Every structure is written in C-alpha cells, then in structure tokens.
Amino acid sequence: MKLRDVVIFSGEQFEVPEGIQRIDYRATHGWQLRYGGTKLFSDFTPDGSGAAAALEKATRELLARIAKLPAPSKLQKEPNENKANDLPVGISGPIVRTRRNSGLRDCSLLVSVPRYGEKPRRRTVYIGTENTYTVQKFRAALDRAIEIRAEAEEVYQREATRAKRAAGRALRAARKS
C-alpha cells in the first residue's frame, strides 16, 4: 500500500497510508478515513499531541475495512453527458466497416473490456452486413455486449479487491515489524 509523508501544523511528520487524510481546520484536528465511507479520528488536543494515537486508530480501522469491504471501483458508472447515443458505458457503435475483398459493409459494436492494472482491451460484437442487419440482430448484439462488459467489470472488481487486500496485509505485516 502506498504511504506518503505528511507534516502536520505542529511540525510532526507521519507516514500515512492512502485512504487517510489529515484534517486541520480551525478547532478540528484529526485523521479522516476515506474508505467505505468517512470517519474522523480526532486528536482530542489542540496542539496536535494526540495525532499519533489518532493515526494509529484510523490505520487499524482502515485495515479492518479493507479486509471486509470490496475495493472502491474506479470504473465509470454513467455515460458522459456528451455521448451522442444512449448506449451503456464502455459500448460504442454501431461501427460500419467495408470488407476488403467484397466491398460489402458490415456492422458491429465495440466493447471496452477493463482489466485491473493493465490497459483495457477491445472486443467486437458482430451485428450483420448491410444486407442482413435487423433491429433484432442489433438488440441481440447489444445484449451480448452488455454481458461482456458486465463480466469484465466483475472480474475487474474482484482483482481490485484482491490487490487492495494484499496491500492491506503487507501494511499490517510492516507495522508489526
């Protein structure tokens, strides 16, 4: 898990895991956990002397949440406002291409397949040629494209959670030693 150095208002320096932010605003001093919701762990002191104990509590809670909650998804949920059609996120088309040898045009949908820690792949779902294209074939291709995208998102989420939990275990082990 990524750690960063944070210097608080009192000059004290801490190594803070991702998912925990420092809050120093007027009379509020503490560490805010931002994973599966937010929770503030107050220093309970105006001079920052309780910051180490509060960070320890926040880190323990972070590790507990990582162990039981799925990783937050970084995948887009809704289509962009400027998307020209009403297809779901990750699906584009229909794309019309001309075949080299015959000159016949065919249609397909393009599906973006997210992969955790890697570049997304693209899959093509065939609809038909200009002679065989029907609304029913389009709907069937769209259903298949939605299924491909949903399966990929599920795998992505599972891999993201697995990686986050491994990072949590590594942080826990590093803190013990």
C-alpha atoms as a PDB file:
ATOM      1  CA  MET A   1       0.000   0.000   0.000  1.00  0.00           C
ATOM      2  CA  LYS A   2       1.250   3.442  -0.846  1.00  0.00           C
ATOM      3  CA  LEU A   3       2.442   5.566   2.060  1.00  0.00           C
ATOM      4  CA  ARG A   4       3.113   9.282   1.968  1.00  0.00           C
ATOM      5  CA  ASP A   5       4.822  11.677   4.351  1.00  0.00           C
ATOM      6  CA  VAL A   6       2.526  14.203   5.992  1.00  0.00           C
ATOM      7  CA  VAL A   7       3.725  17.081   8.152  1.00  0.00           C
ATOM      8  CA  ILE A   8       1.003  18.445  10.428  1.00  0.00           C
ATOM      9  CA  PHE A   9       0.671  22.007  11.734  1.00  0.00           C
ATOM     10  CA  SER A  10       2.783  21.239  14.807  1.00  0.00           C
ATOM     11  CA  GLY A  11       5.733  20.186  12.611  1.00  0.00           C
ATOM     12  CA  GLU A  12       5.419  16.496  13.440  1.00  0.00           C
ATOM     13  CA  GLN A  13       5.881  14.136  10.476  1.00  0.00           C
ATOM     14  CA  PHE A  14       3.920  10.920   9.821  1.00  0.00           C
ATOM     15  CA  GLU A  15       3.849   8.150   7.230  1.00  0.00           C
ATOM     16  CA  VAL A  16       0.191   7.924   6.223  1.00  0.00           C
ATOM     17  CA  PRO A  17      -1.411   5.162   4.118  1.00  0.00           C
ATOM     18  CA  GLU A  18      -3.634   6.042   1.173  1.00  0.00           C
ATOM     19  CA  GLY A  19      -7.248   6.316   2.261  1.00  0.00           C
ATOM     20  CA  ILE A  20      -6.434   8.513   5.272  1.00  0.00           C
ATOM     21  CA  GLN A  21      -6.327  12.322   5.046  1.00  0.00           C
ATOM     22  CA  ARG A  22      -5.252  14.920   7.576  1.00  0.00           C
ATOM     23  CA  ILE A  23      -7.861  17.481   8.648  1.00  0.00           C
ATOM     24  CA  ASP A  24      -6.577  20.664  10.320  1.00  0.00           C
ATOM     25  CA  TYR A  25      -9.257  23.327  10.220  1.00  0.00           C
ATOM     26  CA  ARG A  26      -9.926  25.850  12.965  1.00  0.00           C
ATOM     27  CA  ALA A  27     -10.750  23.718  16.050  1.00  0.00           C
ATOM     28  CA  THR A  28     -10.826  20.392  14.162  1.00  0.00           C
ATOM     29  CA  HIS A  29      -7.631  18.334  14.154  1.00  0.00           C
ATOM     30  CA  GLY A  30      -7.561  14.670  13.238  1.00  0.00           C
ATOM     31  CA  TRP A  31      -7.279  11.971  10.599  1.00  0.00           C
ATOM     32  CA  GLN A  32     -10.181  11.284   8.272  1.00  0.00           C
ATOM     33  CA  LEU A  33     -10.610   7.741   6.986  1.00  0.00           C
ATOM     34  CA  ARG A  34     -11.996   7.666   3.427  1.00  0.00           C
ATOM     35  CA  TYR A  35     -12.671   4.053   2.571  1.00  0.00           C
ATOM     36  CA  GLY A  36     -16.183   2.618   2.544  1.00  0.00           C
ATOM     37  CA  GLY A  37     -17.499   5.888   3.942  1.00  0.00           C
ATOM     38  CA  THR A  38     -15.770   8.533   6.032  1.00  0.00           C
ATOM     39  CA  LYS A  39     -14.909   8.665   9.726  1.00  0.00           C
ATOM     40  CA  LEU A  40     -12.890  11.269  11.624  1.00  0.00           C
ATOM     41  CA  PHE A  41     -10.384  10.175  14.252  1.00  0.00           C
ATOM     42  CA  SER A  42      -9.808  13.262  16.353  1.00  0.00           C
ATOM     43  CA  ASP A  43      -6.533  14.165  18.076  1.00  0.00           C
ATOM     44  CA  PHE A  44      -8.572  15.409  21.069  1.00  0.00           C
ATOM     45  CA  THR A  45      -5.848  18.006  21.593  1.00  0.00           C
ATOM     46  CA  PRO A  46      -5.476  21.497  20.117  1.00  0.00           C
ATOM     47  CA  ASP A  47      -1.664  21.204  19.885  1.00  0.00           C
ATOM     48  CA  GLY A  48      -1.539  18.008  17.774  1.00  0.00           C
ATOM     49  CA  SER A  49      -0.012  15.864  20.524  1.00  0.00           C
ATOM     50  CA  GLY A  50      -2.709  13.213  20.050  1.00  0.00           C
ATOM     51  CA  ALA A  51      -2.100  12.870  16.303  1.00  0.00           C
ATOM     52  CA  ALA A  52      -0.025   9.672  16.543  1.00  0.00           C
ATOM     53  CA  ALA A  53      -2.688   7.839  18.580  1.00  0.00           C
ATOM     54  CA  ALA A  54      -5.451   9.058  16.274  1.00  0.00           C
ATOM     55  CA  LEU A  55      -3.494   7.930  13.194  1.00  0.00           C
ATOM     56  CA  GLU A  56      -2.985   4.514  14.783  1.00  0.00           C
ATOM     57  CA  LYS A  57      -6.744   4.149  15.345  1.00  0.00           C
ATOM     58  CA  ALA A  58      -7.512   5.342  11.803  1.00  0.00           C
ATOM     59  CA  THR A  59      -4.990   2.883  10.326  1.00  0.00           C
ATOM     60  CA  ARG A  60      -6.454  -0.028  12.318  1.00  0.00           C
ATOM     61  CA  GLU A  61      -9.938   0.878  11.093  1.00  0.00           C
ATOM     62  CA  LEU A  62      -8.642   1.200   7.511  1.00  0.00           C
ATOM     63  CA  LEU A  63      -7.118  -2.282   7.650  1.00  0.00           C
ATOM     64  CA  ALA A  64     -10.341  -3.713   9.085  1.00  0.00           C
ATOM     65  CA  ARG A  65     -12.403  -2.113   6.307  1.00  0.00           C
ATOM     66  CA  ILE A  66     -10.020  -3.303   3.594  1.00  0.00           C
ATOM     67  CA  ALA A  67     -10.325  -6.852   4.951  1.00  0.00           C
ATOM     68  CA  LYS A  68     -14.125  -6.904   4.747  1.00  0.00           C
ATOM     69  CA  LEU A  69     -15.223  -4.369   2.086  1.00  0.00           C
ATOM     70  CA  PRO A  70     -14.759  -4.530  -1.681  1.00  0.00           C
ATOM     71  CA  ALA A  71     -12.258  -2.107  -3.167  1.00  0.00           C
ATOM     72  CA  PRO A  72     -13.715   1.167  -4.390  1.00  0.00           C
ATOM     73  CA  SER A  73     -14.320   0.936  -8.125  1.00  0.00           C
ATOM     74  CA  LYS A  74     -12.615   3.433 -10.383  1.00  0.00           C
ATOM     75  CA  LEU A  75     -14.706   2.410 -13.371  1.00  0.00           C
ATOM     76  CA  GLN A  76     -17.083   4.926 -14.884  1.00  0.00           C
ATOM     77  CA  LYS A  77     -20.702   4.284 -13.856  1.00  0.00           C
ATOM     78  CA  GLU A  78     -22.682   6.570 -16.172  1.00  0.00           C
ATOM     79  CA  PRO A  79     -22.088   7.612 -19.791  1.00  0.00           C
ATOM     80  CA  ASN A  80     -20.605  11.043 -20.459  1.00  0.00           C
ATOM     81  CA  GLU A  81     -23.156  13.787 -20.975  1.00  0.00           C
ATOM     82  CA  ASN A  82     -21.813  14.462 -24.468  1.00  0.00           C
ATOM     83  CA  LYS A  83     -22.152  10.846 -25.637  1.00  0.00           C
ATOM     84  CA  ALA A  84     -24.154  11.016 -28.866  1.00  0.00           C
ATOM     85  CA  ASN A  85     -26.159   7.807 -28.309  1.00  0.00           C
ATOM     86  CA  ASP A  86     -27.832   6.064 -25.404  1.00  0.00           C
ATOM     87  CA  LEU A  87     -25.562   3.005 -25.306  1.00  0.00           C
ATOM     88  CA  PRO A  88     -24.201   1.993 -21.878  1.00  0.00           C
ATOM     89  CA  VAL A  89     -20.720   2.880 -20.634  1.00  0.00           C
ATOM     90  CA  GLY A  90     -17.968   1.025 -22.466  1.00  0.00           C
ATOM     91  CA  ILE A  91     -20.027   0.210 -25.576  1.00  0.00           C
ATOM     92  CA  SER A  92     -19.655   2.128 -28.843  1.00  0.00           C
ATOM     93  CA  GLY A  93     -21.254   1.783 -32.224  1.00  0.00           C
ATOM     94  CA  PRO A  94     -22.670   0.567 -34.383  1.00  0.00           C
ATOM     95  CA  ILE A  95     -19.430   0.761 -36.371  1.00  0.00           C
ATOM     96  CA  VAL A  96     -19.704   0.229 -40.124  1.00  0.00           C
ATOM     97  CA  ARG A  97     -16.682  -1.207 -41.966  1.00  0.00           C
ATOM     98  CA  THR A  98     -16.177  -2.153 -45.579  1.00  0.00           C
ATOM     99  CA  ARG A  99     -14.735  -5.612 -46.233  1.00  0.00           C
ATOM    100  CA  ARG A 100     -11.608  -5.600 -48.383  1.00  0.00           C
ATOM    101  CA  ASN A 101     -12.366  -8.264 -50.964  1.00  0.00           C
ATOM    102  CA  SER A 102     -16.104  -7.989 -51.472  1.00  0.00           C
ATOM    103  CA  GLY A 103     -16.714  -4.315 -50.773  1.00  0.00           C
ATOM    104  CA  LEU A 104     -19.652  -5.378 -48.573  1.00  0.00           C
ATOM    105  CA  ARG A 105     -20.192  -3.337 -45.435  1.00  0.00           C
ATOM    106  CA  ASP A 106     -20.775  -4.896 -42.016  1.00  0.00           C
ATOM    107  CA  CYS A 107     -21.788  -3.521 -38.625  1.00  0.00           C
ATOM    108  CA  SER A 108     -20.540  -4.292 -35.152  1.00  0.00           C
ATOM    109  CA  LEU A 109     -20.442  -2.911 -31.637  1.00  0.00           C
ATOM    110  CA  LEU A 110     -17.183  -2.153 -29.874  1.00  0.00           C
ATOM    111  CA  VAL A 111     -16.861  -3.110 -26.193  1.00  0.00           C
ATOM    112  CA  SER A 112     -14.168  -1.735 -23.896  1.00  0.00           C
ATOM    113  CA  VAL A 113     -13.085  -4.558 -21.567  1.00  0.00           C
ATOM    114  CA  PRO A 114     -11.417  -3.132 -18.429  1.00  0.00           C
ATOM    115  CA  ARG A 115      -8.548  -5.093 -16.861  1.00  0.00           C
ATOM    116  CA  TYR A 116      -7.209  -4.217 -13.422  1.00  0.00           C
ATOM    117  CA  GLY A 117      -3.635  -2.934 -13.551  1.00  0.00           C
ATOM    118  CA  GLU A 118      -3.476  -3.268 -17.344  1.00  0.00           C
ATOM    119  CA  LYS A 119      -4.702  -1.432 -20.424  1.00  0.00           C
ATOM    120  CA  PRO A 120      -8.286  -2.193 -21.357  1.00  0.00           C
ATOM    121  CA  ARG A 121      -8.925  -4.465 -24.320  1.00  0.00           C
ATOM    122  CA  ARG A 122     -11.478  -4.020 -27.052  1.00  0.00           C
ATOM    123  CA  ARG A 123     -13.890  -6.689 -28.223  1.00  0.00           C
ATOM    124  CA  THR A 124     -16.069  -6.535 -31.281  1.00  0.00           C
ATOM    125  CA  VAL A 125     -19.618  -7.912 -31.300  1.00  0.00           C
ATOM    126  CA  TYR A 126     -20.825  -8.598 -34.822  1.00  0.00           C
ATOM    127  CA  ILE A 127     -24.324  -7.416 -35.808  1.00  0.00           C
ATOM    128  CA  GLY A 128     -24.589  -8.148 -39.541  1.00  0.00           C
ATOM    129  CA  THR A 129     -23.879  -6.925 -43.052  1.00  0.00           C
ATOM    130  CA  GLU A 130     -25.810  -4.182 -44.774  1.00  0.00           C
ATOM    131  CA  ASN A 131     -27.956  -6.940 -46.304  1.00  0.00           C
ATOM    132  CA  THR A 132     -28.616  -8.885 -43.073  1.00  0.00           C
ATOM    133  CA  TYR A 133     -28.788  -6.073 -40.462  1.00  0.00           C
ATOM    134  CA  THR A 134     -32.035  -6.067 -38.464  1.00  0.00           C
ATOM    135  CA  VAL A 135     -33.221  -4.403 -35.290  1.00  0.00           C
ATOM    136  CA  GLN A 136     -33.466  -7.840 -33.647  1.00  0.00           C
ATOM    137  CA  LYS A 137     -29.820  -8.611 -34.527  1.00  0.00           C
ATOM    138  CA  PHE A 138     -28.793  -5.216 -33.154  1.00  0.00           C
ATOM    139  CA  ARG A 139     -30.621  -5.881 -29.870  1.00  0.00           C
ATOM    140  CA  ALA A 140     -29.082  -9.360 -29.598  1.00  0.00           C
ATOM    141  CA  ALA A 141     -25.599  -7.914 -30.221  1.00  0.00           C
ATOM    142  CA  LEU A 142     -26.232  -5.159 -27.686  1.00  0.00           C
ATOM    143  CA  ASP A 143     -27.327  -7.729 -25.083  1.00  0.00           C
ATOM    144  CA  ARG A 144     -24.119  -9.703 -25.734  1.00  0.00           C
ATOM    145  CA  ALA A 145     -22.004  -6.527 -25.498  1.00  0.00           C
ATOM    146  CA  ILE A 146     -23.642  -5.598 -22.183  1.00  0.00           C
ATOM    147  CA  GLU A 147     -22.973  -9.133 -20.899  1.00  0.00           C
ATOM    148  CA  ILE A 148     -19.289  -8.951 -21.936  1.00  0.00           C
ATOM    149  CA  ARG A 149     -18.879  -5.576 -20.225  1.00  0.00           C
ATOM    150  CA  ALA A 150     -20.634  -6.742 -17.030  1.00  0.00           C
ATOM    151  CA  GLU A 151     -18.442  -9.862 -16.797  1.00  0.00           C
ATOM    152  CA  ALA A 152     -15.313  -7.753 -17.307  1.00  0.00           C
ATOM    153  CA  GLU A 153     -16.380  -5.261 -14.629  1.00  0.00           C
ATOM    154  CA  GLU A 154     -16.986  -8.124 -12.190  1.00  0.00           C
ATOM    155  CA  VAL A 155     -13.508  -9.559 -12.838  1.00  0.00           C
ATOM    156  CA  TYR A 156     -12.002  -6.066 -12.554  1.00  0.00           C
ATOM    157  CA  GLN A 157     -13.699  -5.511  -9.185  1.00  0.00           C
ATOM    158  CA  ARG A 158     -12.578  -8.907  -7.889  1.00  0.00           C
ATOM    159  CA  GLU A 159      -8.963  -8.243  -8.928  1.00  0.00           C
ATOM    160  CA  ALA A 160      -9.016  -4.721  -7.449  1.00  0.00           C
ATOM    161  CA  THR A 161     -10.298  -6.090  -4.139  1.00  0.00           C
ATOM    162  CA  ARG A 162      -7.696  -8.861  -4.148  1.00  0.00           C
ATOM    163  CA  ALA A 163      -4.897  -6.334  -4.764  1.00  0.00           C
ATOM    164  CA  LYS A 164      -6.187  -3.937  -2.096  1.00  0.00           C
ATOM    165  CA  ARG A 165      -6.404  -6.731   0.481  1.00  0.00           C
ATOM    166  CA  ALA A 166      -2.882  -7.916  -0.355  1.00  0.00           C
ATOM    167  CA  ALA A 167      -1.651  -4.343   0.143  1.00  0.00           C
ATOM    168  CA  GLY A 168      -3.517  -4.210   3.466  1.00  0.00           C
ATOM    169  CA  ARG A 169      -1.876  -7.455   4.620  1.00  0.00           C
ATOM    170  CA  ALA A 170       1.543  -6.100   3.608  1.00  0.00           C
ATOM    171  CA  LEU A 171       0.926  -2.886   5.556  1.00  0.00           C
ATOM    172  CA  ARG A 172      -0.218  -4.877   8.597  1.00  0.00           C
ATOM    173  CA  ALA A 173       2.945  -7.027   8.422  1.00  0.00           C
ATOM    174  CA  ALA A 174       5.175  -3.959   8.019  1.00  0.00           C
ATOM    175  CA  ARG A 175       3.580  -2.314  11.062  1.00  0.00           C
ATOM    176  CA  LYS A 176       4.210  -5.400  13.211  1.00  0.00           C
ATOM    177  CA  SER A 177       7.910  -5.478  12.432  1.00  0.00           C
END
